[in-house]
PDB file of all heavy atoms in Angstrom:
ATOM      1  N   THR A   1      78.973 188.845 168.899  1.00  0.00           N
ATOM      2  CA  THR A   1      79.524 190.230 168.930  1.00  0.00           C
ATOM      3  C   THR A   1      80.735 190.322 169.778  1.00  0.00           C
ATOM      4  O   THR A   1      81.558 191.206 169.587  1.00  0.00           O
ATOM      5  CB  THR A   1      78.474 191.255 169.382  1.00  0.00           C
ATOM      6  OG1 THR A   1      78.159 190.971 170.803  1.00  0.00           O
ATOM      7  CG2 THR A   1      77.209 191.235 168.551  1.00  0.00           C
ATOM      8  N   GLY A   2      80.748 189.502 170.867  1.00  0.00           N
ATOM      9  CA  GLY A   2      81.876 189.589 171.770  1.00  0.00           C
ATOM     10  C   GLY A   2      81.715 190.708 172.848  1.00  0.00           C
ATOM     11  O   GLY A   2      82.593 190.903 173.646  1.00  0.00           O
ATOM     12  N   ALA A   3      80.606 191.424 172.800  1.00  0.00           N
ATOM     13  CA  ALA A   3      80.435 192.531 173.711  1.00  0.00           C
ATOM     14  C   ALA A   3      80.220 191.976 175.142  1.00  0.00           C
ATOM     15  O   ALA A   3      79.648 190.863 175.293  1.00  0.00           O
ATOM     16  CB  ALA A   3      79.150 193.357 173.313  1.00  0.00           C
ATOM     17  N   LYS A   4      80.682 192.675 176.122  1.00  0.00           N
ATOM     18  CA  LYS A   4      80.599 192.243 177.525  1.00  0.00           C
ATOM     19  C   LYS A   4      79.142 192.322 177.929  1.00  0.00           C
ATOM     20  O   LYS A   4      78.386 193.336 177.720  1.00  0.00           O
ATOM     21  CB  LYS A   4      81.469 193.109 178.383  1.00  0.00           C
ATOM     22  CG  LYS A   4      81.576 192.585 179.808  1.00  0.00           C
ATOM     23  CD  LYS A   4      82.586 193.330 180.583  1.00  0.00           C
ATOM     24  CE  LYS A   4      82.647 192.755 182.011  1.00  0.00           C
ATOM     25  NZ  LYS A   4      83.621 193.474 182.824  1.00  0.00           N
ATOM     26  N   VAL A   5      78.700 191.317 178.680  1.00  0.00           N
ATOM     27  CA  VAL A   5      77.323 191.244 179.278  1.00  0.00           C
ATOM     28  C   VAL A   5      77.354 192.086 180.521  1.00  0.00           C
ATOM     29  O   VAL A   5      78.196 191.830 181.409  1.00  0.00           O
ATOM     30  CB  VAL A   5      76.959 189.726 179.555  1.00  0.00           C
ATOM     31  CG1 VAL A   5      75.561 189.671 180.231  1.00  0.00           C
ATOM     32  CG2 VAL A   5      76.938 188.897 178.302  1.00  0.00           C
ATOM     33  N   PRO A   6      76.468 193.010 180.623  1.00  0.00           N
ATOM     34  CA  PRO A   6      76.466 193.942 181.826  1.00  0.00           C
ATOM     35  C   PRO A   6      75.841 193.351 183.066  1.00  0.00           C
ATOM     36  O   PRO A   6      74.830 193.885 183.578  1.00  0.00           O
ATOM     37  CB  PRO A   6      75.685 195.175 181.301  1.00  0.00           C
ATOM     38  CG  PRO A   6      74.742 194.645 180.269  1.00  0.00           C
ATOM     39  CD  PRO A   6      75.431 193.443 179.678  1.00  0.00           C
ATOM     40  N   LEU A   7      76.360 192.259 183.579  1.00  0.00           N
ATOM     41  CA  LEU A   7      75.886 191.689 184.840  1.00  0.00           C
ATOM     42  C   LEU A   7      77.027 191.825 185.847  1.00  0.00           C
ATOM     43  O   LEU A   7      78.229 191.509 185.481  1.00  0.00           O
ATOM     44  CB  LEU A   7      75.514 190.229 184.717  1.00  0.00           C
ATOM     45  CG  LEU A   7      74.209 189.905 184.052  1.00  0.00           C
ATOM     46  CD1 LEU A   7      74.071 188.381 183.916  1.00  0.00           C
ATOM     47  CD2 LEU A   7      73.036 190.489 184.840  1.00  0.00           C
ATOM     48  N   THR A   8      76.759 192.336 187.058  1.00  0.00           N
ATOM     49  CA  THR A   8      77.790 192.460 188.054  1.00  0.00           C
ATOM     50  C   THR A   8      77.965 191.156 188.778  1.00  0.00           C
ATOM     51  O   THR A   8      76.995 190.411 189.041  1.00  0.00           O
ATOM     52  CB  THR A   8      77.481 193.597 189.081  1.00  0.00           C
ATOM     53  OG1 THR A   8      76.189 193.292 189.655  1.00  0.00           O
ATOM     54  CG2 THR A   8      77.389 194.904 188.364  1.00  0.00           C
ATOM     55  N   GLY A   9      79.176 190.815 189.124  1.00  0.00           N
ATOM     56  CA  GLY A   9      79.499 189.642 189.810  1.00  0.00           C
ATOM     57  C   GLY A   9      81.034 189.460 189.773  1.00  0.00           C
ATOM     58  O   GLY A   9      81.773 189.998 188.999  1.00  0.00           O
ATOM     59  N   LYS A  10      81.504 188.530 190.614  1.00  0.00           N
ATOM     60  CA  LYS A  10      82.922 188.167 190.632  1.00  0.00           C
ATOM     61  C   LYS A  10      83.123 186.813 190.046  1.00  0.00           C
ATOM     62  O   LYS A  10      84.276 186.451 189.653  1.00  0.00           O
ATOM     63  CB  LYS A  10      83.439 188.161 192.079  1.00  0.00           C
ATOM     64  CG  LYS A  10      83.466 189.530 192.687  1.00  0.00           C
ATOM     65  CD  LYS A  10      84.036 189.584 194.106  1.00  0.00           C
ATOM     66  CE  LYS A  10      83.983 190.942 194.693  1.00  0.00           C
ATOM     67  NZ  LYS A  10      84.474 190.968 196.074  1.00  0.00           N
ATOM     68  N   HIS A  11      82.047 186.039 189.943  1.00  0.00           N
ATOM     69  CA  HIS A  11      82.143 184.646 189.401  1.00  0.00           C
ATOM     70  C   HIS A  11      80.972 184.488 188.407  1.00  0.00           C
ATOM     71  O   HIS A  11      79.871 185.003 188.631  1.00  0.00           O
ATOM     72  CB  HIS A  11      82.062 183.599 190.495  1.00  0.00           C
ATOM     73  CG  HIS A  11      83.151 183.748 191.514  1.00  0.00           C
ATOM     74  ND1 HIS A  11      84.373 183.143 191.375  1.00  0.00           N
ATOM     75  CD2 HIS A  11      83.215 184.485 192.702  1.00  0.00           C
ATOM     76  CE1 HIS A  11      85.164 183.484 192.380  1.00  0.00           C
ATOM     77  NE2 HIS A  11      84.458 184.296 193.216  1.00  0.00           N
ATOM     78  N   PHE A  12      81.275 183.728 187.345  1.00  0.00           N
ATOM     79  CA  PHE A  12      80.271 183.515 186.289  1.00  0.00           C
ATOM     80  C   PHE A  12      80.233 182.130 185.780  1.00  0.00           C
ATOM     81  O   PHE A  12      81.298 181.466 185.770  1.00  0.00           O
ATOM     82  CB  PHE A  12      80.566 184.464 185.087  1.00  0.00           C
ATOM     83  CG  PHE A  12      80.651 185.907 185.490  1.00  0.00           C
ATOM     84  CD1 PHE A  12      81.876 186.551 185.729  1.00  0.00           C
ATOM     85  CD2 PHE A  12      79.514 186.708 185.605  1.00  0.00           C
ATOM     86  CE1 PHE A  12      81.972 187.897 186.092  1.00  0.00           C
ATOM     87  CE2 PHE A  12      79.591 188.038 185.940  1.00  0.00           C
ATOM     88  CZ  PHE A  12      80.790 188.631 186.224  1.00  0.00           C
ATOM     89  N   LEU A  13      79.072 181.664 185.433  1.00  0.00           N
ATOM     90  CA  LEU A  13      78.937 180.326 184.776  1.00  0.00           C
ATOM     91  C   LEU A  13      78.366 180.571 183.393  1.00  0.00           C
ATOM     92  O   LEU A  13      77.489 181.359 183.199  1.00  0.00           O
ATOM     93  CB  LEU A  13      78.007 179.415 185.546  1.00  0.00           C
ATOM     94  CG  LEU A  13      78.464 178.917 186.890  1.00  0.00           C
ATOM     95  CD1 LEU A  13      77.392 178.063 187.586  1.00  0.00           C
ATOM     96  CD2 LEU A  13      79.772 178.129 186.721  1.00  0.00           C
ATOM     97  N   GLU A  14      78.951 179.826 182.438  1.00  0.00           N
ATOM     98  CA  GLU A  14      78.419 179.850 181.031  1.00  0.00           C
ATOM     99  C   GLU A  14      77.715 178.531 180.809  1.00  0.00           C
ATOM    100  O   GLU A  14      78.268 177.455 181.071  1.00  0.00           O
ATOM    101  CB  GLU A  14      79.656 179.981 180.099  1.00  0.00           C
ATOM    102  CG  GLU A  14      79.276 180.022 178.645  1.00  0.00           C
ATOM    103  CD  GLU A  14      80.521 180.063 177.774  1.00  0.00           C
ATOM    104  OE1 GLU A  14      81.216 179.025 177.702  1.00  0.00           O
ATOM    105  OE2 GLU A  14      80.802 181.177 177.285  1.00  0.00           O
ATOM    106  N   ILE A  15      76.469 178.588 180.289  1.00  0.00           N
ATOM    107  CA  ILE A  15      75.653 177.439 180.036  1.00  0.00           C
ATOM    108  C   ILE A  15      75.366 177.431 178.508  1.00  0.00           C
ATOM    109  O   ILE A  15      74.849 178.370 178.014  1.00  0.00           O
ATOM    110  CB  ILE A  15      74.289 177.520 180.802  1.00  0.00           C
ATOM    111  CG1 ILE A  15      74.570 177.730 182.310  1.00  0.00           C
ATOM    112  CG2 ILE A  15      73.470 176.217 180.557  1.00  0.00           C
ATOM    113  CD1 ILE A  15      73.400 178.202 183.094  1.00  0.00           C
ATOM    114  N   LYS A  16      75.778 176.311 177.890  1.00  0.00           N
ATOM    115  CA  LYS A  16      75.586 176.205 176.434  1.00  0.00           C
ATOM    116  C   LYS A  16      74.786 174.953 176.083  1.00  0.00           C
ATOM    117  O   LYS A  16      75.130 173.858 176.542  1.00  0.00           O
ATOM    118  CB  LYS A  16      76.906 176.181 175.708  1.00  0.00           C
ATOM    119  CG  LYS A  16      77.660 177.493 175.737  1.00  0.00           C
ATOM    120  CD  LYS A  16      78.852 177.533 174.796  1.00  0.00           C
ATOM    121  CE  LYS A  16      79.500 178.876 174.822  1.00  0.00           C
ATOM    122  NZ  LYS A  16      79.241 179.623 173.651  1.00  0.00           N
ATOM    123  N   LEU A  17      73.784 175.137 175.246  1.00  0.00           N
ATOM    124  CA  LEU A  17      72.999 174.015 174.693  1.00  0.00           C
ATOM    125  C   LEU A  17      73.254 173.959 173.226  1.00  0.00           C
ATOM    126  O   LEU A  17      73.081 174.948 172.502  1.00  0.00           O
ATOM    127  CB  LEU A  17      71.543 174.282 174.940  1.00  0.00           C
ATOM    128  CG  LEU A  17      71.019 174.314 176.405  1.00  0.00           C
ATOM    129  CD1 LEU A  17      71.168 175.700 176.973  1.00  0.00           C
ATOM    130  CD2 LEU A  17      69.600 173.872 176.477  1.00  0.00           C
ATOM    131  N   SER A  18      73.685 172.757 172.749  1.00  0.00           N
ATOM    132  CA  SER A  18      74.023 172.649 171.302  1.00  0.00           C
ATOM    133  C   SER A  18      73.945 171.192 170.868  1.00  0.00           C
ATOM    134  O   SER A  18      74.494 170.308 171.559  1.00  0.00           O
ATOM    135  CB  SER A  18      75.449 173.193 171.071  1.00  0.00           C
ATOM    136  OG  SER A  18      75.784 173.105 169.706  1.00  0.00           O
ATOM    137  N   PRO A  19      73.236 170.927 169.750  1.00  0.00           N
ATOM    138  CA  PRO A  19      72.621 171.829 168.822  1.00  0.00           C
ATOM    139  C   PRO A  19      71.263 172.292 169.308  1.00  0.00           C
ATOM    140  O   PRO A  19      70.471 171.495 169.798  1.00  0.00           O
ATOM    141  CB  PRO A  19      72.500 171.023 167.560  1.00  0.00           C
ATOM    142  CG  PRO A  19      72.376 169.633 168.012  1.00  0.00           C
ATOM    143  CD  PRO A  19      73.218 169.539 169.254  1.00  0.00           C
ATOM    144  N   ALA A  20      71.050 173.591 169.262  1.00  0.00           N
ATOM    145  CA  ALA A  20      69.800 174.169 169.704  1.00  0.00           C
ATOM    146  C   ALA A  20      69.585 175.540 169.092  1.00  0.00           C
ATOM    147  O   ALA A  20      70.567 176.139 168.556  1.00  0.00           O
ATOM    148  CB  ALA A  20      69.787 174.318 171.275  1.00  0.00           C
ATOM    149  N   ALA A  21      68.415 176.075 169.149  1.00  0.00           N
ATOM    150  CA  ALA A  21      68.114 177.434 168.662  1.00  0.00           C
ATOM    151  C   ALA A  21      67.015 178.042 169.566  1.00  0.00           C
ATOM    152  O   ALA A  21      66.265 177.323 170.207  1.00  0.00           O
ATOM    153  CB  ALA A  21      67.598 177.325 167.250  1.00  0.00           C
ATOM    154  N   ALA A  22      66.988 179.398 169.577  1.00  0.00           N
ATOM    155  CA  ALA A  22      65.956 180.091 170.307  1.00  0.00           C
ATOM    156  C   ALA A  22      65.072 180.847 169.341  1.00  0.00           C
ATOM    157  O   ALA A  22      64.391 181.737 169.652  1.00  0.00           O
ATOM    158  CB  ALA A  22      66.584 181.068 171.281  1.00  0.00           C
ATOM    159  N   HIS A  23      65.136 180.383 168.067  1.00  0.00           N
ATOM    160  CA  HIS A  23      64.264 180.971 166.950  1.00  0.00           C
ATOM    161  C   HIS A  23      63.820 179.820 166.114  1.00  0.00           C
ATOM    162  O   HIS A  23      64.353 178.746 166.055  1.00  0.00           O
ATOM    163  CB  HIS A  23      65.104 181.949 166.158  1.00  0.00           C
ATOM    164  CG  HIS A  23      66.282 181.315 165.481  1.00  0.00           C
ATOM    165  ND1 HIS A  23      67.444 181.119 166.126  1.00  0.00           N
ATOM    166  CD2 HIS A  23      66.424 180.837 164.236  1.00  0.00           C
ATOM    167  CE1 HIS A  23      68.376 180.574 165.311  1.00  0.00           C
ATOM    168  NE2 HIS A  23      67.734 180.372 164.161  1.00  0.00           N
ATOM    169  N   ASN A  24      62.684 180.093 165.390  1.00  0.00           N
ATOM    170  CA  ASN A  24      62.105 179.072 164.500  1.00  0.00           C
ATOM    171  C   ASN A  24      62.734 179.142 163.106  1.00  0.00           C
ATOM    172  O   ASN A  24      63.655 179.959 162.875  1.00  0.00           O
ATOM    173  CB  ASN A  24      60.599 179.185 164.423  1.00  0.00           C
ATOM    174  CG  ASN A  24      60.054 180.499 163.914  1.00  0.00           C
ATOM    175  OD1 ASN A  24      60.817 181.225 163.193  1.00  0.00           O
ATOM    176  ND2 ASN A  24      58.869 180.805 164.192  1.00  0.00           N
ATOM    177  N   GLU A  25      62.241 178.317 162.180  1.00  0.00           N
ATOM    178  CA  GLU A  25      62.812 178.269 160.880  1.00  0.00           C
ATOM    179  C   GLU A  25      62.639 179.577 160.086  1.00  0.00           C
ATOM    180  O   GLU A  25      63.377 179.863 159.191  1.00  0.00           O
ATOM    181  CB  GLU A  25      62.206 177.102 160.076  1.00  0.00           C
ATOM    182  CG  GLU A  25      62.651 175.742 160.580  1.00  0.00           C
ATOM    183  CD  GLU A  25      62.017 174.579 159.830  1.00  0.00           C
ATOM    184  OE1 GLU A  25      61.290 174.854 158.794  1.00  0.00           O
ATOM    185  OE2 GLU A  25      62.245 173.439 160.242  1.00  0.00           O
ATOM    186  N   ALA A  26      61.658 180.352 160.460  1.00  0.00           N
ATOM    187  CA  ALA A  26      61.383 181.632 159.824  1.00  0.00           C
ATOM    188  C   ALA A  26      62.307 182.767 160.458  1.00  0.00           C
ATOM    189  O   ALA A  26      62.249 183.882 160.001  1.00  0.00           O
ATOM    190  CB  ALA A  26      59.965 182.086 159.947  1.00  0.00           C
ATOM    191  N   GLY A  27      63.039 182.410 161.488  1.00  0.00           N
ATOM    192  CA  GLY A  27      63.993 183.371 162.084  1.00  0.00           C
ATOM    193  C   GLY A  27      63.363 184.141 163.200  1.00  0.00           C
ATOM    194  O   GLY A  27      63.998 185.041 163.823  1.00  0.00           O
ATOM    195  N   ARG A  28      62.085 183.842 163.590  1.00  0.00           N
ATOM    196  CA  ARG A  28      61.443 184.561 164.695  1.00  0.00           C
ATOM    197  C   ARG A  28      61.758 183.916 166.051  1.00  0.00           C
ATOM    198  O   ARG A  28      61.794 182.656 166.146  1.00  0.00           O
ATOM    199  CB  ARG A  28      59.951 184.588 164.478  1.00  0.00           C
ATOM    200  CG  ARG A  28      59.489 185.581 163.426  1.00  0.00           C
ATOM    201  CD  ARG A  28      58.013 185.543 163.318  1.00  0.00           C
ATOM    202  NE  ARG A  28      57.656 184.321 162.668  1.00  0.00           N
ATOM    203  CZ  ARG A  28      56.934 184.225 161.526  1.00  0.00           C
ATOM    204  NH1 ARG A  28      56.421 185.279 160.986  1.00  0.00           N
ATOM    205  NH2 ARG A  28      56.754 183.038 160.984  1.00  0.00           N
ATOM    206  N   SER A  29      61.962 184.709 167.023  1.00  0.00           N
ATOM    207  CA  SER A  29      62.310 184.242 168.358  1.00  0.00           C
ATOM    208  C   SER A  29      61.167 183.357 168.978  1.00  0.00           C
ATOM    209  O   SER A  29      59.998 183.781 168.887  1.00  0.00           O
ATOM    210  CB  SER A  29      62.590 185.379 169.308  1.00  0.00           C
ATOM    211  OG  SER A  29      62.907 184.894 170.590  1.00  0.00           O
ATOM    212  N   VAL A  30      61.538 182.220 169.511  1.00  0.00           N
ATOM    213  CA  VAL A  30      60.570 181.421 170.245  1.00  0.00           C
ATOM    214  C   VAL A  30      60.820 181.527 171.750  1.00  0.00           C
ATOM    215  O   VAL A  30      60.130 180.930 172.575  1.00  0.00           O
ATOM    216  CB  VAL A  30      60.558 179.899 169.802  1.00  0.00           C
ATOM    217  CG1 VAL A  30      60.116 179.819 168.353  1.00  0.00           C
ATOM    218  CG2 VAL A  30      61.889 179.263 170.049  1.00  0.00           C
ATOM    219  N   TYR A  31      61.937 182.158 172.134  1.00  0.00           N
ATOM    220  CA  TYR A  31      62.354 182.278 173.498  1.00  0.00           C
ATOM    221  C   TYR A  31      61.539 183.322 174.195  1.00  0.00           C
ATOM    222  O   TYR A  31      61.415 184.512 173.754  1.00  0.00           O
ATOM    223  CB  TYR A  31      63.849 182.716 173.500  1.00  0.00           C
ATOM    224  CG  TYR A  31      64.363 182.861 174.915  1.00  0.00           C
ATOM    225  CD1 TYR A  31      64.557 181.745 175.769  1.00  0.00           C
ATOM    226  CD2 TYR A  31      64.615 184.120 175.441  1.00  0.00           C
ATOM    227  CE1 TYR A  31      65.040 181.946 177.064  1.00  0.00           C
ATOM    228  CE2 TYR A  31      65.088 184.285 176.750  1.00  0.00           C
ATOM    229  CZ  TYR A  31      65.274 183.198 177.504  1.00  0.00           C
ATOM    230  OH  TYR A  31      65.716 183.375 178.813  1.00  0.00           O
ATOM    231  N   GLN A  32      60.921 182.977 175.341  1.00  0.00           N
ATOM    232  CA  GLN A  32      59.966 183.873 176.088  1.00  0.00           C
ATOM    233  C   GLN A  32      60.589 184.332 177.437  1.00  0.00           C
ATOM    234  O   GLN A  32      59.874 185.012 178.166  1.00  0.00           O
ATOM    235  CB  GLN A  32      58.650 183.113 176.304  1.00  0.00           C
ATOM    236  CG  GLN A  32      57.969 182.689 175.089  1.00  0.00           C
ATOM    237  CD  GLN A  32      57.523 183.814 174.168  1.00  0.00           C
ATOM    238  OE1 GLN A  32      56.963 184.821 174.673  1.00  0.00           O
ATOM    239  NE2 GLN A  32      57.843 183.723 172.915  1.00  0.00           N
ATOM    240  N   GLY A  33      61.780 183.895 177.683  1.00  0.00           N
ATOM    241  CA  GLY A  33      62.359 184.196 179.036  1.00  0.00           C
ATOM    242  C   GLY A  33      63.124 185.507 179.076  1.00  0.00           C
ATOM    243  O   GLY A  33      63.101 186.292 178.115  1.00  0.00           O
ATOM    244  N   PRO A  34      63.865 185.728 180.167  1.00  0.00           N
ATOM    245  CA  PRO A  34      64.556 186.950 180.320  1.00  0.00           C
ATOM    246  C   PRO A  34      65.768 187.060 179.429  1.00  0.00           C
ATOM    247  O   PRO A  34      66.414 185.997 179.165  1.00  0.00           O
ATOM    248  CB  PRO A  34      65.008 186.927 181.866  1.00  0.00           C
ATOM    249  CG  PRO A  34      65.085 185.449 182.143  1.00  0.00           C
ATOM    250  CD  PRO A  34      63.961 184.799 181.341  1.00  0.00           C
ATOM    251  N   ARG A  35      66.064 188.181 178.979  1.00  0.00           N
ATOM    252  CA  ARG A  35      67.301 188.422 178.128  1.00  0.00           C
ATOM    253  C   ARG A  35      68.449 188.911 179.020  1.00  0.00           C
ATOM    254  O   ARG A  35      69.566 188.532 178.792  1.00  0.00           O
ATOM    255  CB  ARG A  35      66.974 189.442 177.065  1.00  0.00           C
ATOM    256  CG  ARG A  35      65.801 189.090 176.212  1.00  0.00           C
ATOM    257  CD  ARG A  35      66.176 188.810 174.814  1.00  0.00           C
ATOM    258  NE  ARG A  35      65.068 188.303 174.028  1.00  0.00           N
ATOM    259  CZ  ARG A  35      65.182 187.365 173.161  1.00  0.00           C
ATOM    260  NH1 ARG A  35      66.290 186.825 172.884  1.00  0.00           N
ATOM    261  NH2 ARG A  35      64.094 186.923 172.514  1.00  0.00           N
ATOM    262  N   LEU A  36      68.144 189.722 179.979  1.00  0.00           N
ATOM    263  CA  LEU A  36      69.148 190.246 180.939  1.00  0.00           C
ATOM    264  C   LEU A  36      68.431 190.666 182.157  1.00  0.00           C
ATOM    265  O   LEU A  36      67.514 191.517 182.132  1.00  0.00           O
ATOM    266  CB  LEU A  36      69.825 191.476 180.308  1.00  0.00           C
ATOM    267  CG  LEU A  36      70.925 192.097 181.198  1.00  0.00           C
ATOM    268  CD1 LEU A  36      72.130 191.213 181.362  1.00  0.00           C
ATOM    269  CD2 LEU A  36      71.424 193.375 180.537  1.00  0.00           C
ATOM    270  N   LEU A  37      68.828 190.053 183.286  1.00  0.00           N
ATOM    271  CA  LEU A  37      68.053 190.289 184.514  1.00  0.00           C
ATOM    272  C   LEU A  37      68.922 190.183 185.749  1.00  0.00           C
ATOM    273  O   LEU A  37      69.717 189.231 185.948  1.00  0.00           O
ATOM    274  CB  LEU A  37      66.924 189.182 184.612  1.00  0.00           C
ATOM    275  CG  LEU A  37      65.937 189.304 185.776  1.00  0.00           C
ATOM    276  CD1 LEU A  37      65.111 190.572 185.583  1.00  0.00           C
ATOM    277  CD2 LEU A  37      65.113 188.070 185.786  1.00  0.00           C
ATOM    278  N   LYS A  38      68.854 191.226 186.602  1.00  0.00           N
ATOM    279  CA  LYS A  38      69.467 191.161 187.903  1.00  0.00           C
ATOM    280  C   LYS A  38      68.589 190.366 188.840  1.00  0.00           C
ATOM    281  O   LYS A  38      67.317 190.555 188.791  1.00  0.00           O
ATOM    282  CB  LYS A  38      69.675 192.586 188.508  1.00  0.00           C
ATOM    283  CG  LYS A  38      70.736 193.380 187.775  1.00  0.00           C
ATOM    284  CD  LYS A  38      70.911 194.696 188.412  1.00  0.00           C
ATOM    285  CE  LYS A  38      71.960 195.475 187.707  1.00  0.00           C
ATOM    286  NZ  LYS A  38      72.213 196.787 188.301  1.00  0.00           N
ATOM    287  N   ILE A  39      69.144 189.505 189.640  1.00  0.00           N
ATOM    288  CA  ILE A  39      68.380 188.661 190.558  1.00  0.00           C
ATOM    289  C   ILE A  39      68.933 188.802 191.921  1.00  0.00           C
ATOM    290  O   ILE A  39      70.235 188.906 192.084  1.00  0.00           O
ATOM    291  CB  ILE A  39      68.445 187.162 190.056  1.00  0.00           C
ATOM    292  CG1 ILE A  39      67.889 187.042 188.662  1.00  0.00           C
ATOM    293  CG2 ILE A  39      67.760 186.270 191.035  1.00  0.00           C
ATOM    294  CD1 ILE A  39      68.072 185.679 188.020  1.00  0.00           C
ATOM    295  N   HIS A  40      68.137 188.777 192.996  1.00  0.00           N
ATOM    296  CA  HIS A  40      68.616 188.984 194.301  1.00  0.00           C
ATOM    297  C   HIS A  40      68.280 187.795 195.167  1.00  0.00           C
ATOM    298  O   HIS A  40      67.535 187.869 196.113  1.00  0.00           O
ATOM    299  CB  HIS A  40      67.903 190.243 194.908  1.00  0.00           C
ATOM    300  CG  HIS A  40      68.204 191.452 194.118  1.00  0.00           C
ATOM    301  ND1 HIS A  40      69.369 192.094 194.073  1.00  0.00           N
ATOM    302  CD2 HIS A  40      67.366 192.149 193.173  1.00  0.00           C
ATOM    303  CE1 HIS A  40      69.299 193.142 193.209  1.00  0.00           C
ATOM    304  NE2 HIS A  40      68.134 193.178 192.702  1.00  0.00           N
ATOM    305  N   LEU A  41      68.941 186.673 194.821  1.00  0.00           N
ATOM    306  CA  LEU A  41      68.846 185.456 195.684  1.00  0.00           C
ATOM    307  C   LEU A  41      70.138 185.279 196.387  1.00  0.00           C
ATOM    308  O   LEU A  41      71.162 186.009 196.190  1.00  0.00           O
ATOM    309  CB  LEU A  41      68.587 184.257 194.685  1.00  0.00           C
ATOM    310  CG  LEU A  41      67.240 184.226 193.967  1.00  0.00           C
ATOM    311  CD1 LEU A  41      67.217 183.072 192.989  1.00  0.00           C
ATOM    312  CD2 LEU A  41      66.115 184.123 195.011  1.00  0.00           C
ATOM    313  N   PRO A  42      70.198 184.337 197.339  1.00  0.00           N
ATOM    314  CA  PRO A  42      71.447 184.167 198.154  1.00  0.00           C
ATOM    315  C   PRO A  42      72.714 183.967 197.295  1.00  0.00           C
ATOM    316  O   PRO A  42      73.721 184.567 197.636  1.00  0.00           O
ATOM    317  CB  PRO A  42      71.102 182.939 199.027  1.00  0.00           C
ATOM    318  CG  PRO A  42      69.616 182.955 199.184  1.00  0.00           C
ATOM    319  CD  PRO A  42      69.134 183.468 197.863  1.00  0.00           C
ATOM    320  N   LYS A  43      72.611 183.209 196.306  1.00  0.00           N
ATOM    321  CA  LYS A  43      73.834 182.988 195.426  1.00  0.00           C
ATOM    322  C   LYS A  43      73.640 183.631 194.029  1.00  0.00           C
ATOM    323  O   LYS A  43      74.527 184.318 193.550  1.00  0.00           O
ATOM    324  CB  LYS A  43      74.071 181.475 195.216  1.00  0.00           C
ATOM    325  CG  LYS A  43      74.810 180.819 196.311  1.00  0.00           C
ATOM    326  CD  LYS A  43      76.238 181.284 196.366  1.00  0.00           C
ATOM    327  CE  LYS A  43      77.088 180.376 197.256  1.00  0.00           C
ATOM    328  NZ  LYS A  43      78.472 180.731 197.227  1.00  0.00           N
ATOM    329  N   LEU A  44      72.559 183.381 193.393  1.00  0.00           N
ATOM    330  CA  LEU A  44      72.333 183.833 191.958  1.00  0.00           C
ATOM    331  C   LEU A  44      72.028 185.316 191.934  1.00  0.00           C
ATOM    332  O   LEU A  44      71.087 185.808 192.557  1.00  0.00           O
ATOM    333  CB  LEU A  44      71.150 183.066 191.355  1.00  0.00           C
ATOM    334  CG  LEU A  44      70.830 183.365 189.893  1.00  0.00           C
ATOM    335  CD1 LEU A  44      71.987 183.058 188.957  1.00  0.00           C
ATOM    336  CD2 LEU A  44      69.599 182.597 189.438  1.00  0.00           C
TER     337      LEU A  44
END
């Protein structure tokens, strides 16, 4: 979509895994982790 991700910060890292998928052959998500999350660690 190209829509901006609503995370605040001055620096960002992009992590890409390829070839990979977060859904199965039927198109259902297999990903169980966070989709968008604010974190309060020293750096992250």
